[in-house]
PDB file of all heavy atoms in Angstrom:
ATOM      1  N   PRO A   1      35.938 169.665 145.907  1.00  0.00           N
ATOM      2  CA  PRO A   1      35.656 169.798 147.308  1.00  0.00           C
ATOM      3  C   PRO A   1      34.395 170.493 147.551  1.00  0.00           C
ATOM      4  O   PRO A   1      33.968 170.629 148.704  1.00  0.00           O
ATOM      5  CB  PRO A   1      36.819 170.592 147.883  1.00  0.00           C
ATOM      6  CG  PRO A   1      37.258 171.448 146.694  1.00  0.00           C
ATOM      7  CD  PRO A   1      36.920 170.727 145.472  1.00  0.00           C
ATOM      8  N   HIS A   2      33.644 171.069 146.579  1.00  0.00           N
ATOM      9  CA  HIS A   2      32.561 171.980 146.771  1.00  0.00           C
ATOM     10  C   HIS A   2      31.228 171.306 147.061  1.00  0.00           C
ATOM     11  O   HIS A   2      30.279 171.956 147.586  1.00  0.00           O
ATOM     12  CB  HIS A   2      32.388 172.990 145.613  1.00  0.00           C
ATOM     13  CG  HIS A   2      33.541 173.711 145.350  1.00  0.00           C
ATOM     14  ND1 HIS A   2      34.078 174.649 146.182  1.00  0.00           N
ATOM     15  CD2 HIS A   2      34.509 173.703 144.327  1.00  0.00           C
ATOM     16  CE1 HIS A   2      35.194 175.228 145.690  1.00  0.00           C
ATOM     17  NE2 HIS A   2      35.460 174.652 144.554  1.00  0.00           N
ATOM     18  N   GLY A   3      31.047 170.031 146.752  1.00  0.00           N
ATOM     19  CA  GLY A   3      29.891 169.325 147.068  1.00  0.00           C
ATOM     20  C   GLY A   3      28.666 169.503 146.064  1.00  0.00           C
ATOM     21  O   GLY A   3      27.581 169.065 146.371  1.00  0.00           O
ATOM     22  N   ASP A   4      28.882 170.145 144.986  1.00  0.00           N
ATOM     23  CA  ASP A   4      27.869 170.316 144.011  1.00  0.00           C
ATOM     24  C   ASP A   4      27.774 168.968 143.225  1.00  0.00           C
ATOM     25  O   ASP A   4      28.692 168.235 143.075  1.00  0.00           O
ATOM     26  CB  ASP A   4      28.196 171.468 143.091  1.00  0.00           C
ATOM     27  CG  ASP A   4      29.513 171.391 142.371  1.00  0.00           C
ATOM     28  OD1 ASP A   4      30.457 170.931 142.992  1.00  0.00           O
ATOM     29  OD2 ASP A   4      29.602 171.816 141.189  1.00  0.00           O
ATOM     30  N   TYR A   5      26.443 168.803 142.660  1.00  0.00           N
ATOM     31  CA  TYR A   5      26.217 167.480 141.979  1.00  0.00           C
ATOM     32  C   TYR A   5      26.289 167.773 140.487  1.00  0.00           C
ATOM     33  O   TYR A   5      25.876 168.844 140.024  1.00  0.00           O
ATOM     34  CB  TYR A   5      24.858 166.995 142.257  1.00  0.00           C
ATOM     35  CG  TYR A   5      24.826 166.344 143.642  1.00  0.00           C
ATOM     36  CD1 TYR A   5      24.533 167.014 144.760  1.00  0.00           C
ATOM     37  CD2 TYR A   5      25.080 165.056 143.712  1.00  0.00           C
ATOM     38  CE1 TYR A   5      24.444 166.507 146.024  1.00  0.00           C
ATOM     39  CE2 TYR A   5      25.016 164.406 145.005  1.00  0.00           C
ATOM     40  CZ  TYR A   5      24.700 165.220 146.154  1.00  0.00           C
ATOM     41  OH  TYR A   5      24.696 164.517 147.406  1.00  0.00           O
ATOM     42  N   ARG A   6      26.887 166.886 139.645  1.00  0.00           N
ATOM     43  CA  ARG A   6      27.034 167.050 138.216  1.00  0.00           C
ATOM     44  C   ARG A   6      26.498 165.737 137.603  1.00  0.00           C
ATOM     45  O   ARG A   6      26.731 164.608 138.211  1.00  0.00           O
ATOM     46  CB  ARG A   6      28.427 167.307 137.891  1.00  0.00           C
ATOM     47  CG  ARG A   6      28.824 168.682 138.266  1.00  0.00           C
ATOM     48  CD  ARG A   6      29.899 169.361 137.474  1.00  0.00           C
ATOM     49  NE  ARG A   6      30.015 169.140 136.052  1.00  0.00           N
ATOM     50  CZ  ARG A   6      31.059 169.325 135.363  1.00  0.00           C
ATOM     51  NH1 ARG A   6      32.253 169.658 135.978  1.00  0.00           N
ATOM     52  NH2 ARG A   6      31.054 169.102 134.078  1.00  0.00           N
ATOM     53  N   VAL A   7      25.799 165.853 136.482  1.00  0.00           N
ATOM     54  CA  VAL A   7      25.312 164.748 135.756  1.00  0.00           C
ATOM     55  C   VAL A   7      26.211 164.675 134.526  1.00  0.00           C
ATOM     56  O   VAL A   7      26.574 165.577 133.740  1.00  0.00           O
ATOM     57  CB  VAL A   7      23.845 164.994 135.290  1.00  0.00           C
ATOM     58  CG1 VAL A   7      23.353 163.867 134.371  1.00  0.00           C
ATOM     59  CG2 VAL A   7      22.929 165.280 136.493  1.00  0.00           C
ATOM     60  N   PHE A   8      26.690 163.387 134.258  1.00  0.00           N
ATOM     61  CA  PHE A   8      27.479 163.046 133.150  1.00  0.00           C
ATOM     62  C   PHE A   8      26.827 161.980 132.299  1.00  0.00           C
ATOM     63  O   PHE A   8      26.302 161.072 132.773  1.00  0.00           O
ATOM     64  CB  PHE A   8      28.888 162.461 133.601  1.00  0.00           C
ATOM     65  CG  PHE A   8      29.677 163.435 134.445  1.00  0.00           C
ATOM     66  CD1 PHE A   8      29.570 163.473 135.823  1.00  0.00           C
ATOM     67  CD2 PHE A   8      30.629 164.223 133.805  1.00  0.00           C
ATOM     68  CE1 PHE A   8      30.321 164.341 136.538  1.00  0.00           C
ATOM     69  CE2 PHE A   8      31.275 165.180 134.608  1.00  0.00           C
ATOM     70  CZ  PHE A   8      31.211 165.245 135.961  1.00  0.00           C
ATOM     71  N   ASP A   9      26.895 162.255 130.937  1.00  0.00           N
ATOM     72  CA  ASP A   9      26.335 161.371 129.984  1.00  0.00           C
ATOM     73  C   ASP A   9      27.611 160.545 129.417  1.00  0.00           C
ATOM     74  O   ASP A   9      28.413 161.115 128.699  1.00  0.00           O
ATOM     75  CB  ASP A   9      25.620 162.007 128.882  1.00  0.00           C
ATOM     76  CG  ASP A   9      25.027 161.060 127.829  1.00  0.00           C
ATOM     77  OD1 ASP A   9      24.776 159.942 128.218  1.00  0.00           O
ATOM     78  OD2 ASP A   9      24.843 161.476 126.635  1.00  0.00           O
ATOM     79  N   VAL A  10      27.760 159.337 129.831  1.00  0.00           N
ATOM     80  CA  VAL A  10      28.976 158.519 129.549  1.00  0.00           C
ATOM     81  C   VAL A  10      28.749 157.806 128.267  1.00  0.00           C
ATOM     82  O   VAL A  10      27.741 157.210 128.008  1.00  0.00           O
ATOM     83  CB  VAL A  10      29.309 157.591 130.717  1.00  0.00           C
ATOM     84  CG1 VAL A  10      30.459 156.690 130.455  1.00  0.00           C
ATOM     85  CG2 VAL A  10      29.380 158.250 132.066  1.00  0.00           C
ATOM     86  N   GLN A  11      29.730 157.971 127.382  1.00  0.00           N
ATOM     87  CA  GLN A  11      29.694 157.225 126.145  1.00  0.00           C
ATOM     88  C   GLN A  11      29.678 155.770 126.346  1.00  0.00           C
ATOM     89  O   GLN A  11      30.378 155.184 127.174  1.00  0.00           O
ATOM     90  CB  GLN A  11      30.975 157.577 125.243  1.00  0.00           C
ATOM     91  CG  GLN A  11      30.981 159.042 124.790  1.00  0.00           C
ATOM     92  CD  GLN A  11      32.308 159.277 124.016  1.00  0.00           C
ATOM     93  OE1 GLN A  11      33.216 158.561 124.139  1.00  0.00           O
ATOM     94  NE2 GLN A  11      32.274 160.403 123.276  1.00  0.00           N
ATOM     95  N   PRO A  12      28.842 155.064 125.557  1.00  0.00           N
ATOM     96  CA  PRO A  12      28.858 153.538 125.620  1.00  0.00           C
ATOM     97  C   PRO A  12      30.210 153.031 125.400  1.00  0.00           C
ATOM     98  O   PRO A  12      30.903 153.432 124.509  1.00  0.00           O
ATOM     99  CB  PRO A  12      27.774 153.115 124.597  1.00  0.00           C
ATOM    100  CG  PRO A  12      26.984 154.325 124.279  1.00  0.00           C
ATOM    101  CD  PRO A  12      27.864 155.579 124.583  1.00  0.00           C
ATOM    102  N   GLY A  13      30.581 152.010 126.233  1.00  0.00           N
ATOM    103  CA  GLY A  13      31.892 151.368 126.040  1.00  0.00           C
ATOM    104  C   GLY A  13      33.113 152.103 126.680  1.00  0.00           C
ATOM    105  O   GLY A  13      34.126 151.545 126.781  1.00  0.00           O
ATOM    106  N   ARG A  14      32.790 153.301 127.288  1.00  0.00           N
ATOM    107  CA  ARG A  14      33.818 154.129 128.035  1.00  0.00           C
ATOM    108  C   ARG A  14      34.397 153.256 129.180  1.00  0.00           C
ATOM    109  O   ARG A  14      33.630 152.605 129.941  1.00  0.00           O
ATOM    110  CB  ARG A  14      33.196 155.316 128.531  1.00  0.00           C
ATOM    111  CG  ARG A  14      34.054 156.158 129.353  1.00  0.00           C
ATOM    112  CD  ARG A  14      35.166 156.890 128.627  1.00  0.00           C
ATOM    113  NE  ARG A  14      35.849 157.773 129.464  1.00  0.00           N
ATOM    114  CZ  ARG A  14      37.171 158.096 129.250  1.00  0.00           C
ATOM    115  NH1 ARG A  14      37.706 157.641 128.297  1.00  0.00           N
ATOM    116  NH2 ARG A  14      37.672 158.950 130.048  1.00  0.00           N
ATOM    117  N   GLU A  15      35.710 153.144 129.274  1.00  0.00           N
ATOM    118  CA  GLU A  15      36.285 152.393 130.346  1.00  0.00           C
ATOM    119  C   GLU A  15      36.852 153.386 131.496  1.00  0.00           C
ATOM    120  O   GLU A  15      37.307 154.377 131.274  1.00  0.00           O
ATOM    121  CB  GLU A  15      37.502 151.530 129.875  1.00  0.00           C
ATOM    122  CG  GLU A  15      36.957 150.357 129.018  1.00  0.00           C
ATOM    123  CD  GLU A  15      38.137 149.373 128.793  1.00  0.00           C
ATOM    124  OE1 GLU A  15      39.297 149.626 128.976  1.00  0.00           O
ATOM    125  OE2 GLU A  15      37.821 148.270 128.208  1.00  0.00           O
ATOM    126  N   PHE A  16      36.687 152.867 132.628  1.00  0.00           N
ATOM    127  CA  PHE A  16      37.241 153.483 133.884  1.00  0.00           C
ATOM    128  C   PHE A  16      38.201 152.550 134.481  1.00  0.00           C
ATOM    129  O   PHE A  16      38.035 151.304 134.430  1.00  0.00           O
ATOM    130  CB  PHE A  16      36.080 153.714 134.997  1.00  0.00           C
ATOM    131  CG  PHE A  16      34.952 154.530 134.410  1.00  0.00           C
ATOM    132  CD1 PHE A  16      33.868 153.947 133.738  1.00  0.00           C
ATOM    133  CD2 PHE A  16      34.811 155.929 134.735  1.00  0.00           C
ATOM    134  CE1 PHE A  16      32.804 154.793 133.319  1.00  0.00           C
ATOM    135  CE2 PHE A  16      33.790 156.700 134.343  1.00  0.00           C
ATOM    136  CZ  PHE A  16      32.684 156.117 133.637  1.00  0.00           C
ATOM    137  N   THR A  17      39.294 153.106 135.101  1.00  0.00           N
ATOM    138  CA  THR A  17      40.231 152.224 135.762  1.00  0.00           C
ATOM    139  C   THR A  17      39.956 152.306 137.304  1.00  0.00           C
ATOM    140  O   THR A  17      40.284 153.379 137.866  1.00  0.00           O
ATOM    141  CB  THR A  17      41.719 152.595 135.497  1.00  0.00           C
ATOM    142  OG1 THR A  17      41.892 152.600 134.025  1.00  0.00           O
ATOM    143  CG2 THR A  17      42.641 151.667 136.132  1.00  0.00           C
ATOM    144  N   ILE A  18      39.219 151.279 137.755  1.00  0.00           N
ATOM    145  CA  ILE A  18      38.893 151.353 139.220  1.00  0.00           C
ATOM    146  C   ILE A  18      39.776 150.274 139.935  1.00  0.00           C
ATOM    147  O   ILE A  18      39.686 149.136 139.597  1.00  0.00           O
ATOM    148  CB  ILE A  18      37.384 150.988 139.416  1.00  0.00           C
ATOM    149  CG1 ILE A  18      36.567 151.908 138.560  1.00  0.00           C
ATOM    150  CG2 ILE A  18      36.954 151.079 140.837  1.00  0.00           C
ATOM    151  CD1 ILE A  18      36.688 153.419 138.740  1.00  0.00           C
ATOM    152  N   ASP A  19      40.522 150.739 140.996  1.00  0.00           N
ATOM    153  CA  ASP A  19      41.419 149.816 141.702  1.00  0.00           C
ATOM    154  C   ASP A  19      42.292 149.059 140.771  1.00  0.00           C
ATOM    155  O   ASP A  19      42.508 147.816 140.991  1.00  0.00           O
ATOM    156  CB  ASP A  19      40.578 148.895 142.672  1.00  0.00           C
ATOM    157  CG  ASP A  19      39.659 149.605 143.652  1.00  0.00           C
ATOM    158  OD1 ASP A  19      40.170 150.697 144.127  1.00  0.00           O
ATOM    159  OD2 ASP A  19      38.561 149.151 143.927  1.00  0.00           O
ATOM    160  N   GLY A  20      42.758 149.643 139.698  1.00  0.00           N
ATOM    161  CA  GLY A  20      43.632 149.026 138.756  1.00  0.00           C
ATOM    162  C   GLY A  20      43.007 148.136 137.726  1.00  0.00           C
ATOM    163  O   GLY A  20      43.696 147.533 136.870  1.00  0.00           O
ATOM    164  N   GLN A  21      41.656 148.021 137.731  1.00  0.00           N
ATOM    165  CA  GLN A  21      40.977 147.107 136.879  1.00  0.00           C
ATOM    166  C   GLN A  21      40.131 147.940 135.919  1.00  0.00           C
ATOM    167  O   GLN A  21      39.466 149.000 136.297  1.00  0.00           O
ATOM    168  CB  GLN A  21      40.036 146.231 137.716  1.00  0.00           C
ATOM    169  CG  GLN A  21      40.688 145.294 138.785  1.00  0.00           C
ATOM    170  CD  GLN A  21      41.448 144.198 138.033  1.00  0.00           C
ATOM    171  OE1 GLN A  21      40.997 143.711 137.023  1.00  0.00           O
ATOM    172  NE2 GLN A  21      42.703 143.939 138.619  1.00  0.00           N
ATOM    173  N   ALA A  22      40.002 147.544 134.654  1.00  0.00           N
ATOM    174  CA  ALA A  22      39.167 148.163 133.703  1.00  0.00           C
ATOM    175  C   ALA A  22      37.671 147.872 133.993  1.00  0.00           C
ATOM    176  O   ALA A  22      37.370 146.753 134.189  1.00  0.00           O
ATOM    177  CB  ALA A  22      39.536 147.709 132.275  1.00  0.00           C
ATOM    178  N   ARG A  23      36.921 148.931 134.127  1.00  0.00           N
ATOM    179  CA  ARG A  23      35.475 148.754 134.416  1.00  0.00           C
ATOM    180  C   ARG A  23      34.593 149.671 133.469  1.00  0.00           C
ATOM    181  O   ARG A  23      35.169 150.578 132.823  1.00  0.00           O
ATOM    182  CB  ARG A  23      35.258 149.251 135.887  1.00  0.00           C
ATOM    183  CG  ARG A  23      35.899 148.476 136.932  1.00  0.00           C
ATOM    184  CD  ARG A  23      35.310 147.067 137.183  1.00  0.00           C
ATOM    185  NE  ARG A  23      36.001 146.472 138.270  1.00  0.00           N
ATOM    186  CZ  ARG A  23      36.329 145.209 138.239  1.00  0.00           C
ATOM    187  NH1 ARG A  23      36.196 144.489 137.153  1.00  0.00           N
ATOM    188  NH2 ARG A  23      36.945 144.657 139.235  1.00  0.00           N
ATOM    189  N   HIS A  24      33.317 149.315 133.425  1.00  0.00           N
ATOM    190  CA  HIS A  24      32.420 150.189 132.618  1.00  0.00           C
ATOM    191  C   HIS A  24      31.438 150.787 133.537  1.00  0.00           C
ATOM    192  O   HIS A  24      31.357 150.475 134.752  1.00  0.00           O
ATOM    193  CB  HIS A  24      31.689 149.208 131.592  1.00  0.00           C
ATOM    194  CG  HIS A  24      32.682 148.695 130.568  1.00  0.00           C
ATOM    195  ND1 HIS A  24      33.323 147.497 130.592  1.00  0.00           N
ATOM    196  CD2 HIS A  24      33.067 149.269 129.362  1.00  0.00           C
ATOM    197  CE1 HIS A  24      34.084 147.359 129.622  1.00  0.00           C
ATOM    198  NE2 HIS A  24      33.941 148.350 128.833  1.00  0.00           N
ATOM    199  N   ILE A  25      30.581 151.586 132.987  1.00  0.00           N
ATOM    200  CA  ILE A  25      29.678 152.404 133.916  1.00  0.00           C
ATOM    201  C   ILE A  25      28.823 151.544 134.691  1.00  0.00           C
ATOM    202  O   ILE A  25      28.449 151.866 135.734  1.00  0.00           O
ATOM    203  CB  ILE A  25      28.841 153.431 132.902  1.00  0.00           C
ATOM    204  CG1 ILE A  25      28.115 154.381 133.940  1.00  0.00           C
ATOM    205  CG2 ILE A  25      27.927 152.796 131.973  1.00  0.00           C
ATOM    206  CD1 ILE A  25      27.602 155.569 133.273  1.00  0.00           C
ATOM    207  N   GLY A  26      28.347 150.345 134.119  1.00  0.00           N
ATOM    208  CA  GLY A  26      27.429 149.532 134.903  1.00  0.00           C
ATOM    209  C   GLY A  26      28.131 148.850 136.019  1.00  0.00           C
ATOM    210  O   GLY A  26      27.436 148.316 136.965  1.00  0.00           O
ATOM    211  N   ASP A  27      29.445 148.905 136.104  1.00  0.00           N
ATOM    212  CA  ASP A  27      30.241 148.289 137.259  1.00  0.00           C
ATOM    213  C   ASP A  27      30.349 149.262 138.409  1.00  0.00           C
ATOM    214  O   ASP A  27      30.835 148.925 139.482  1.00  0.00           O
ATOM    215  CB  ASP A  27      31.580 147.862 136.779  1.00  0.00           C
ATOM    216  CG  ASP A  27      31.513 146.817 135.612  1.00  0.00           C
ATOM    217  OD1 ASP A  27      30.582 145.957 135.677  1.00  0.00           O
ATOM    218  OD2 ASP A  27      32.479 146.817 134.712  1.00  0.00           O
ATOM    219  N   LEU A  28      30.078 150.574 138.163  1.00  0.00           N
ATOM    220  CA  LEU A  28      30.270 151.558 139.195  1.00  0.00           C
ATOM    221  C   LEU A  28      29.142 151.470 140.285  1.00  0.00           C
ATOM    222  O   LEU A  28      28.017 151.312 139.984  1.00  0.00           O
ATOM    223  CB  LEU A  28      30.257 152.966 138.668  1.00  0.00           C
ATOM    224  CG  LEU A  28      31.324 153.214 137.609  1.00  0.00           C
ATOM    225  CD1 LEU A  28      31.196 154.708 136.997  1.00  0.00           C
ATOM    226  CD2 LEU A  28      32.766 153.027 138.155  1.00  0.00           C
ATOM    227  N   LYS A  29      29.677 151.618 141.543  1.00  0.00           N
ATOM    228  CA  LYS A  29      28.700 151.537 142.639  1.00  0.00           C
ATOM    229  C   LYS A  29      28.737 152.854 143.310  1.00  0.00           C
ATOM    230  O   LYS A  29      29.690 153.679 143.359  1.00  0.00           O
ATOM    231  CB  LYS A  29      29.217 150.475 143.644  1.00  0.00           C
ATOM    232  CG  LYS A  29      29.432 149.083 143.134  1.00  0.00           C
ATOM    233  CD  LYS A  29      28.164 148.503 142.847  1.00  0.00           C
ATOM    234  CE  LYS A  29      28.258 147.068 142.281  1.00  0.00           C
ATOM    235  NZ  LYS A  29      27.572 146.810 141.139  1.00  0.00           N
ATOM    236  N   PRO A  30      27.571 153.269 143.968  1.00  0.00           N
ATOM    237  CA  PRO A  30      27.592 154.492 144.787  1.00  0.00           C
ATOM    238  C   PRO A  30      28.708 154.503 145.814  1.00  0.00           C
ATOM    239  O   PRO A  30      29.056 153.459 146.398  1.00  0.00           O
ATOM    240  CB  PRO A  30      26.277 154.565 145.445  1.00  0.00           C
ATOM    241  CG  PRO A  30      25.365 153.725 144.514  1.00  0.00           C
ATOM    242  CD  PRO A  30      26.288 152.608 143.958  1.00  0.00           C
ATOM    243  N   GLY A  31      29.434 155.649 145.957  1.00  0.00           N
ATOM    244  CA  GLY A  31      30.494 155.740 146.862  1.00  0.00           C
ATOM    245  C   GLY A  31      31.850 155.615 146.219  1.00  0.00           C
ATOM    246  O   GLY A  31      32.898 155.916 146.804  1.00  0.00           O
ATOM    247  N   THR A  32      31.892 155.208 144.933  1.00  0.00           N
ATOM    248  CA  THR A  32      33.163 155.095 144.211  1.00  0.00           C
ATOM    249  C   THR A  32      33.649 156.484 143.950  1.00  0.00           C
ATOM    250  O   THR A  32      32.989 157.323 143.544  1.00  0.00           O
ATOM    251  CB  THR A  32      32.907 154.364 142.801  1.00  0.00           C
ATOM    252  OG1 THR A  32      32.385 153.011 143.054  1.00  0.00           O
ATOM    253  CG2 THR A  32      34.233 154.253 142.115  1.00  0.00           C
ATOM    254  N   VAL A  33      34.937 156.663 144.302  1.00  0.00           N
ATOM    255  CA  VAL A  33      35.584 157.986 144.083  1.00  0.00           C
ATOM    256  C   VAL A  33      36.320 157.956 142.694  1.00  0.00           C
ATOM    257  O   VAL A  33      37.087 157.100 142.437  1.00  0.00           O
ATOM    258  CB  VAL A  33      36.617 158.287 145.173  1.00  0.00           C
ATOM    259  CG1 VAL A  33      37.319 159.600 144.912  1.00  0.00           C
ATOM    260  CG2 VAL A  33      36.013 158.255 146.550  1.00  0.00           C
ATOM    261  N   LEU A  34      35.832 158.900 141.871  1.00  0.00           N
ATOM    262  CA  LEU A  34      36.442 158.965 140.554  1.00  0.00           C
ATOM    263  C   LEU A  34      37.248 160.283 140.384  1.00  0.00           C
ATOM    264  O   LEU A  34      36.798 161.343 140.833  1.00  0.00           O
ATOM    265  CB  LEU A  34      35.336 159.036 139.461  1.00  0.00           C
ATOM    266  CG  LEU A  34      34.394 157.868 139.415  1.00  0.00           C
ATOM    267  CD1 LEU A  34      33.222 158.087 138.390  1.00  0.00           C
ATOM    268  CD2 LEU A  34      35.128 156.630 138.984  1.00  0.00           C
ATOM    269  N   THR A  35      38.390 160.180 139.750  1.00  0.00           N
ATOM    270  CA  THR A  35      39.202 161.335 139.448  1.00  0.00           C
ATOM    271  C   THR A  35      39.378 161.300 137.923  1.00  0.00           C
ATOM    272  O   THR A  35      39.884 160.355 137.329  1.00  0.00           O
ATOM    273  CB  THR A  35      40.521 161.284 140.158  1.00  0.00           C
ATOM    274  OG1 THR A  35      40.284 161.265 141.598  1.00  0.00           O
ATOM    275  CG2 THR A  35      41.365 162.485 139.742  1.00  0.00           C
ATOM    276  N   GLY A  36      38.987 162.409 137.258  1.00  0.00           N
ATOM    277  CA  GLY A  36      39.172 162.573 135.855  1.00  0.00           C
ATOM    278  C   GLY A  36      40.281 163.611 135.572  1.00  0.00           C
ATOM    279  O   GLY A  36      40.199 164.674 136.110  1.00  0.00           O
ATOM    280  N   THR A  37      41.128 163.220 134.718  1.00  0.00           N
ATOM    281  CA  THR A  37      42.223 164.104 134.222  1.00  0.00           C
ATOM    282  C   THR A  37      42.009 164.310 132.806  1.00  0.00           C
ATOM    283  O   THR A  37      42.014 163.407 131.959  1.00  0.00           O
ATOM    284  CB  THR A  37      43.626 163.484 134.506  1.00  0.00           C
ATOM    285  OG1 THR A  37      43.711 163.241 135.864  1.00  0.00           O
ATOM    286  CG2 THR A  37      44.772 164.490 134.172  1.00  0.00           C
ATOM    287  N   VAL A  38      41.782 165.699 132.452  1.00  0.00           N
ATOM    288  CA  VAL A  38      41.544 166.033 131.070  1.00  0.00           C
ATOM    289  C   VAL A  38      42.762 166.841 130.582  1.00  0.00           C
ATOM    290  O   VAL A  38      43.109 167.882 131.114  1.00  0.00           O
ATOM    291  CB  VAL A  38      40.312 166.915 130.926  1.00  0.00           C
ATOM    292  CG1 VAL A  38      40.076 167.368 129.449  1.00  0.00           C
ATOM    293  CG2 VAL A  38      39.120 166.237 131.506  1.00  0.00           C
ATOM    294  N   THR A  39      43.477 166.247 129.576  1.00  0.00           N
ATOM    295  CA  THR A  39      44.571 166.969 129.015  1.00  0.00           C
ATOM    296  C   THR A  39      44.155 167.462 127.616  1.00  0.00           C
ATOM    297  O   THR A  39      43.678 166.793 126.789  1.00  0.00           O
ATOM    298  CB  THR A  39      45.780 165.939 128.775  1.00  0.00           C
ATOM    299  OG1 THR A  39      46.121 165.319 130.034  1.00  0.00           O
ATOM    300  CG2 THR A  39      47.004 166.610 128.180  1.00  0.00           C
ATOM    301  N   THR A  40      44.229 168.870 127.471  1.00  0.00           N
ATOM    302  CA  THR A  40      43.886 169.437 126.215  1.00  0.00           C
ATOM    303  C   THR A  40      45.086 170.032 125.498  1.00  0.00           C
ATOM    304  O   THR A  40      45.916 170.728 126.187  1.00  0.00           O
ATOM    305  CB  THR A  40      42.888 170.599 126.576  1.00  0.00           C
ATOM    306  OG1 THR A  40      41.781 170.089 127.270  1.00  0.00           O
ATOM    307  CG2 THR A  40      42.411 171.263 125.276  1.00  0.00           C
TER     308      THR A  40
END
């Protein structure tokens, strides 16, 4: 919620699940809301 900008270097082939569909970084459009859950 803080509004700061972060730069991410995404591994080639990394998949995102957008609207239930598997997508790659080239498929992402500005305005897409991403939520990352990191389990350690």
